[in-house]
Protein backbone atom coordinates (compact mmCIF):
# COMPACT_ATOMS: atom_id res chain seq x y z
CA MET A 1 209.39 149.58 -33.19
CA ASN A 2 207.94 146.22 -32.69
CA LYS A 3 208.74 146.23 -28.83
CA ILE A 4 207.49 149.69 -28.36
CA ILE A 5 204.08 148.17 -30.35
CA ARG A 6 204.40 145.10 -28.19
CA ASN A 7 204.97 147.47 -25.10
CA PHE A 8 201.62 149.87 -25.63
CA ILE A 9 199.35 146.56 -26.47
CA ILE A 10 200.46 144.85 -23.13
CA THR A 11 199.89 148.07 -21.19
CA LEU A 12 196.47 148.86 -23.19
CA THR A 13 195.59 145.43 -22.35
CA LEU A 14 196.64 145.64 -18.73
CA VAL A 15 194.30 149.02 -18.30
CA GLY A 16 191.38 147.63 -20.20
CA LEU A 17 191.55 144.97 -17.83
CA MET A 18 191.38 147.33 -14.56
CA ILE A 19 188.54 149.18 -16.16
CA PHE A 20 186.56 146.02 -16.83
CA THR A 21 187.06 144.82 -13.23
CA ILE A 22 186.10 148.94 -12.20
CA PHE A 23 182.62 148.30 -14.64
CA ASN A 24 181.82 144.97 -13.12
CA ILE A 25 182.38 145.49 -9.71
CA LYS A 26 181.24 149.04 -9.05
CA ILE A 27 179.74 151.06 -11.90
CA LEU A 28 177.45 149.01 -14.06
CA PRO A 29 173.99 148.68 -12.93
CA ASN A 30 174.59 145.14 -12.00
CA ALA A 31 177.81 145.53 -10.85
CA LYS A 32 178.71 142.52 -8.63
CA PRO A 33 181.91 142.82 -5.94
CA LEU A 34 183.91 139.35 -6.06
CA PHE A 35 183.04 138.75 -2.40
CA LYS A 36 180.84 140.62 0.54
CA ILE A 37 181.93 141.69 4.18
CA GLY A 38 180.03 143.06 7.00
CA PHE A 39 182.98 144.47 9.01
CA PHE A 40 181.23 148.13 9.06
CA ASN A 41 177.48 149.48 9.86
CA SER A 42 177.71 151.23 6.36
CA ASN A 43 176.91 149.55 3.01
CA TYR A 44 179.19 152.10 1.41
CA LEU A 45 182.10 151.24 3.63
CA ASN A 46 181.60 147.75 2.98
CA GLU A 47 181.21 147.84 -0.65
CA THR A 48 184.48 150.04 -1.23
CA PHE A 49 186.53 148.02 1.23
CA VAL A 50 185.83 145.03 -1.37
CA TYR A 51 186.36 147.32 -4.33
CA GLN A 52 189.40 148.41 -2.96
CA VAL A 53 191.03 145.27 -1.94
CA THR A 54 190.18 143.82 -5.00
CA THR A 55 191.85 146.90 -7.47
CA LEU A 56 194.61 146.89 -4.71
CA LEU A 57 195.82 143.31 -5.88
CA LEU A 58 195.29 143.98 -9.31
CA SER A 59 197.24 147.36 -9.47
CA PHE A 60 200.11 144.93 -7.82
CA VAL A 61 200.29 142.94 -11.01
CA ILE A 62 200.31 145.70 -13.34
CA ILE A 63 203.12 147.03 -11.33
CA LEU A 64 205.26 143.75 -11.46
CA ILE A 65 204.60 143.68 -15.62
CA THR A 66 205.20 146.93 -16.07
CA ALA A 67 208.46 146.59 -14.44
CA VAL A 68 209.53 143.30 -16.32
CA GLN A 69 208.46 145.46 -19.71
CA THR A 70 210.67 148.15 -18.33
CA LYS A 71 213.66 145.79 -16.91
CA PHE A 72 212.52 147.62 -13.93
CA GLN A 73 213.45 150.45 -15.14
CA SER A 74 209.77 152.10 -13.95
CA LEU A 75 209.97 151.21 -10.78
CA SER A 76 212.17 154.27 -9.64
CA LEU A 77 208.91 156.38 -10.87
CA LEU A 78 207.06 155.20 -7.74
CA SER A 79 209.64 157.10 -5.70
CA ILE A 80 207.60 159.33 -3.61
CA THR A 81 210.91 161.42 -2.23
CA LYS A 82 211.25 163.30 -5.73
CA ILE A 83 208.79 166.07 -5.27
CA ASP A 84 211.00 168.74 -7.44
CA GLY A 85 211.73 169.03 -10.96
CA ASN A 86 212.05 171.67 -13.59
CA ILE A 87 208.42 172.51 -15.48
CA ASN A 88 208.10 172.30 -19.36
CA PRO A 89 206.25 175.17 -20.34
CA GLU A 90 202.56 174.89 -21.09
CA PRO A 91 201.33 178.71 -21.94
CA TRP A 92 197.64 177.17 -22.77
CA ILE A 93 197.90 176.80 -18.66
CA GLY A 94 199.76 179.68 -18.12
CA ILE A 95 203.16 177.80 -17.55
CA THR A 96 204.96 180.28 -19.74
CA LYS A 97 208.87 179.89 -20.68
CA ASN A 98 209.46 182.69 -18.14
CA ASN A 99 207.91 181.04 -15.08
CA LYS A 100 210.68 180.23 -12.44
CA ASP A 101 208.82 178.09 -10.40
CA THR A 102 209.61 174.18 -9.74
CA TRP A 103 207.50 171.48 -8.79
CA LYS A 104 208.10 172.28 -5.60
CA LYS A 105 205.76 175.13 -5.16
CA LEU A 106 203.77 174.72 -8.38
CA GLY A 107 202.72 171.53 -6.86
CA ILE A 108 201.16 172.83 -3.80
CA ASN A 109 199.30 175.73 -5.63
CA LEU A 110 197.55 172.87 -8.12
CA ALA A 111 196.87 170.64 -4.90
CA VAL A 112 194.76 173.77 -3.48
CA VAL A 113 193.43 175.02 -6.72
CA ILE A 114 192.29 171.31 -8.03
CA SER A 115 190.43 170.27 -4.68
CA ILE A 116 188.63 173.70 -4.56
CA VAL A 117 187.54 172.79 -8.23
CA THR A 118 186.68 169.16 -7.22
CA ALA A 119 184.81 170.38 -4.08
CA ILE A 120 182.59 172.81 -5.96
CA THR A 121 181.94 170.50 -8.58
CA VAL A 122 181.32 167.41 -5.92
CA TYR A 123 178.70 169.63 -3.78
CA PHE A 124 176.97 170.42 -7.16
CA GLN A 125 176.56 166.61 -8.62
CA VAL A 126 176.45 164.78 -5.22
CA PHE A 127 175.26 167.12 -1.92
CA ARG A 128 172.84 169.57 -3.53
CA ALA A 129 169.77 166.69 -4.25
CA GLU A 130 170.74 164.81 -1.19
CA LYS A 131 169.93 163.86 2.03
CA VAL A 132 173.32 164.42 4.15
CA GLN A 133 174.50 162.18 6.75
CA SER A 134 176.64 162.93 9.87
CA LEU A 135 180.36 161.74 9.22
CA THR A 136 182.08 160.42 12.45
CA VAL A 137 185.66 160.66 12.82
CA PRO A 138 186.42 156.47 12.73
CA SER A 139 184.34 156.59 9.31
CA PHE A 140 186.23 159.39 8.23
CA LEU A 141 189.79 158.09 8.91
CA LEU A 142 188.28 154.81 7.03
CA VAL A 143 187.26 157.28 4.04
CA VAL A 144 190.96 158.55 4.39
CA VAL A 145 192.77 155.06 4.16
CA PHE A 146 190.38 154.26 1.15
CA ALA A 147 191.23 157.23 -0.59
CA LEU A 148 194.73 156.48 -0.18
CA ILE A 149 194.29 152.96 -1.77
CA ASN A 150 192.31 154.37 -4.06
CA SER A 151 194.67 157.39 -5.53
CA PHE A 152 197.53 154.95 -5.55
CA VAL A 153 195.98 152.08 -7.85
CA GLU A 154 194.53 154.73 -10.22
CA GLU A 155 197.89 156.42 -10.68
CA VAL A 156 199.20 152.98 -11.29
CA THR A 157 196.75 152.15 -13.67
CA PHE A 158 196.28 155.65 -15.63
CA ARG A 159 199.80 157.49 -15.07
CA HIS A 160 202.29 155.08 -13.79
CA THR A 161 202.13 152.19 -16.88
CA PHE A 162 202.19 154.82 -19.71
CA VAL A 163 204.72 157.08 -18.24
CA SER A 164 206.78 154.01 -17.57
CA ILE A 165 206.56 152.48 -21.35
CA VAL A 166 206.90 156.26 -22.66
CA GLU A 167 210.28 157.20 -20.38
CA TYR A 168 211.77 153.64 -21.15
CA HIS A 169 211.54 154.02 -24.99
CA LYS A 170 212.71 157.57 -24.66
CA LEU A 171 209.33 158.94 -26.54
CA ASN A 172 207.19 162.08 -26.46
CA ARG A 173 206.06 162.19 -23.37
CA TYR A 174 202.44 164.03 -24.82
CA ILE A 175 201.87 160.14 -25.94
CA SER A 176 200.91 159.16 -22.47
CA GLN A 177 200.01 162.49 -21.10
CA GLY A 178 197.41 162.32 -24.14
CA LEU A 179 196.60 158.59 -23.09
CA SER A 180 195.71 159.03 -19.58
CA ALA A 181 193.72 162.33 -20.25
CA ILE A 182 191.36 160.23 -22.49
CA ILE A 183 191.12 157.06 -21.24
CA PHE A 184 191.19 158.50 -17.62
CA GLY A 185 188.35 161.46 -18.62
CA PHE A 186 186.24 158.47 -20.28
CA VAL A 187 185.78 156.42 -17.52
CA HIS A 188 184.83 159.32 -15.04
CA TYR A 189 181.68 160.31 -17.34
CA PHE A 190 180.24 157.11 -15.20
CA GLY A 191 181.74 158.34 -11.99
CA VAL A 192 182.09 161.28 -9.66
CA PRO A 193 182.42 163.94 -10.60
CA ALA A 194 180.18 162.44 -13.94
CA LYS A 195 179.01 163.28 -17.16
CA ILE A 196 180.57 165.94 -19.46
CA PRO A 197 182.25 168.21 -16.24
CA GLY A 198 183.62 164.60 -14.60
CA VAL A 199 185.46 163.94 -18.26
CA LEU A 200 186.96 167.58 -18.64
CA LEU A 201 187.69 167.66 -14.78
CA ALA A 202 189.46 163.78 -14.96
CA GLY A 203 190.96 164.44 -18.71
CA PHE A 204 192.85 167.42 -17.66
CA LEU A 205 193.94 166.03 -14.06
CA GLY A 206 195.20 162.72 -15.82
CA TRP A 207 197.48 164.93 -18.37
CA LEU A 208 198.58 166.99 -15.64
CA LEU A 209 199.42 164.07 -13.22
CA SER A 210 201.31 162.38 -15.75
CA LYS A 211 203.41 165.31 -16.56
CA THR A 212 204.24 165.70 -12.80
CA ILE A 213 205.82 162.23 -12.98
CA HIS A 214 207.96 163.11 -16.14
CA GLU A 215 209.40 165.83 -15.21
CA THR A 216 209.95 165.32 -11.38
CA LYS A 217 210.44 161.10 -12.27
CA GLY A 218 208.47 160.54 -9.30
CA PHE A 219 205.00 159.53 -7.65
CA PHE A 220 204.29 162.03 -5.10
CA TRP A 221 202.42 165.18 -6.51
CA ALA A 222 200.26 162.72 -8.67
CA TRP A 223 199.26 160.72 -5.78
CA LEU A 224 199.22 163.45 -3.64
CA ILE A 225 196.87 165.36 -5.67
CA HIS A 226 194.80 162.55 -6.15
CA PHE A 227 194.32 161.27 -2.79
CA LEU A 228 193.06 165.00 -2.06
CA GLN A 229 190.19 164.73 -4.74
CA ASP A 230 189.65 161.53 -3.39
CA ILE A 231 188.96 162.33 0.06
CA ILE A 232 186.87 165.24 -1.21
CA ILE A 233 184.75 162.81 -3.35
CA MET A 234 184.83 159.49 -0.89
CA THR A 235 183.45 161.56 2.11
CA ALA A 236 180.54 163.21 -0.33
CA LEU A 237 179.39 159.78 -1.10
CA PHE A 238 179.42 158.37 2.23
CA MET A 239 177.77 161.27 3.58
CA THR A 240 175.21 160.51 0.67
CA LEU A 241 175.20 156.77 0.07
CA GLN A 242 174.78 155.62 3.66
C-alpha cells in the first residue's frame, strides 16, 4: 500500500508540474515562454513552437520517471500497434453487454463523432466572433505537426501516467479514468473549448481515452482521437489569433 501511495504522489506531482508549466507559459495573463523565436511570420506559430518544444521535453521526463516507477512496464502502453481489444460495457454511453464491436471498429466511430462535436463547439466559441484569416498549406502542415506533438504530450501527461500506475498495481481502472477526467476537464476550463462546455467535453474525453489505453494496452486510439481534436482546435486558433 505504501508503494501505491508513493507512486500516486509522484505521478500527481509530475502531472502538477506539467500543469504549472502550461499555465505559466501559455494560459495565465502574464504567461511568458521560456525562450522566444522568430522563425515564422505568425506570432501564433512562433509561440506554439516554443510551447510544444518545452512541453515535449518535459513529457520525456515524465515517461522516464513513470517507467522507473513501473519497472519499465509502462513503456508497453505507448505502443501504437495495439489497436484492438474487447470493450468493457458502459451502458450510460450506449455500450452494453450485447455489444459485439471491438476497439478496431468503435475507435473509428468515436473519432468521427467526437471530432464533429469538437468542431461545432469550437465554431461557436472561436470562429463566430472573430475575423477569420486565410490558412496556407505550409501553415496547415505546421499546425498538423504541432497537433501531433501536443496530443502526444497531453496523452502522456493525463492518460499514460495514471493508466500505467493503475495497470502496474492491478487497481480498478476507474481510478485512472476518474483522475484523468477530473484533471483534464479542470485544465480545459481555461483552454479551447473553454468554460463549462470545455470541462464537460475534455472530462469525457479524458475518461474515454484512458479507457482505450486500458482495454487495448496501447496508445493508438488515445493519441489518434486526441490528435484529430487538436487539428480542429489549433487550426481555428491559427485562423483567428494571427
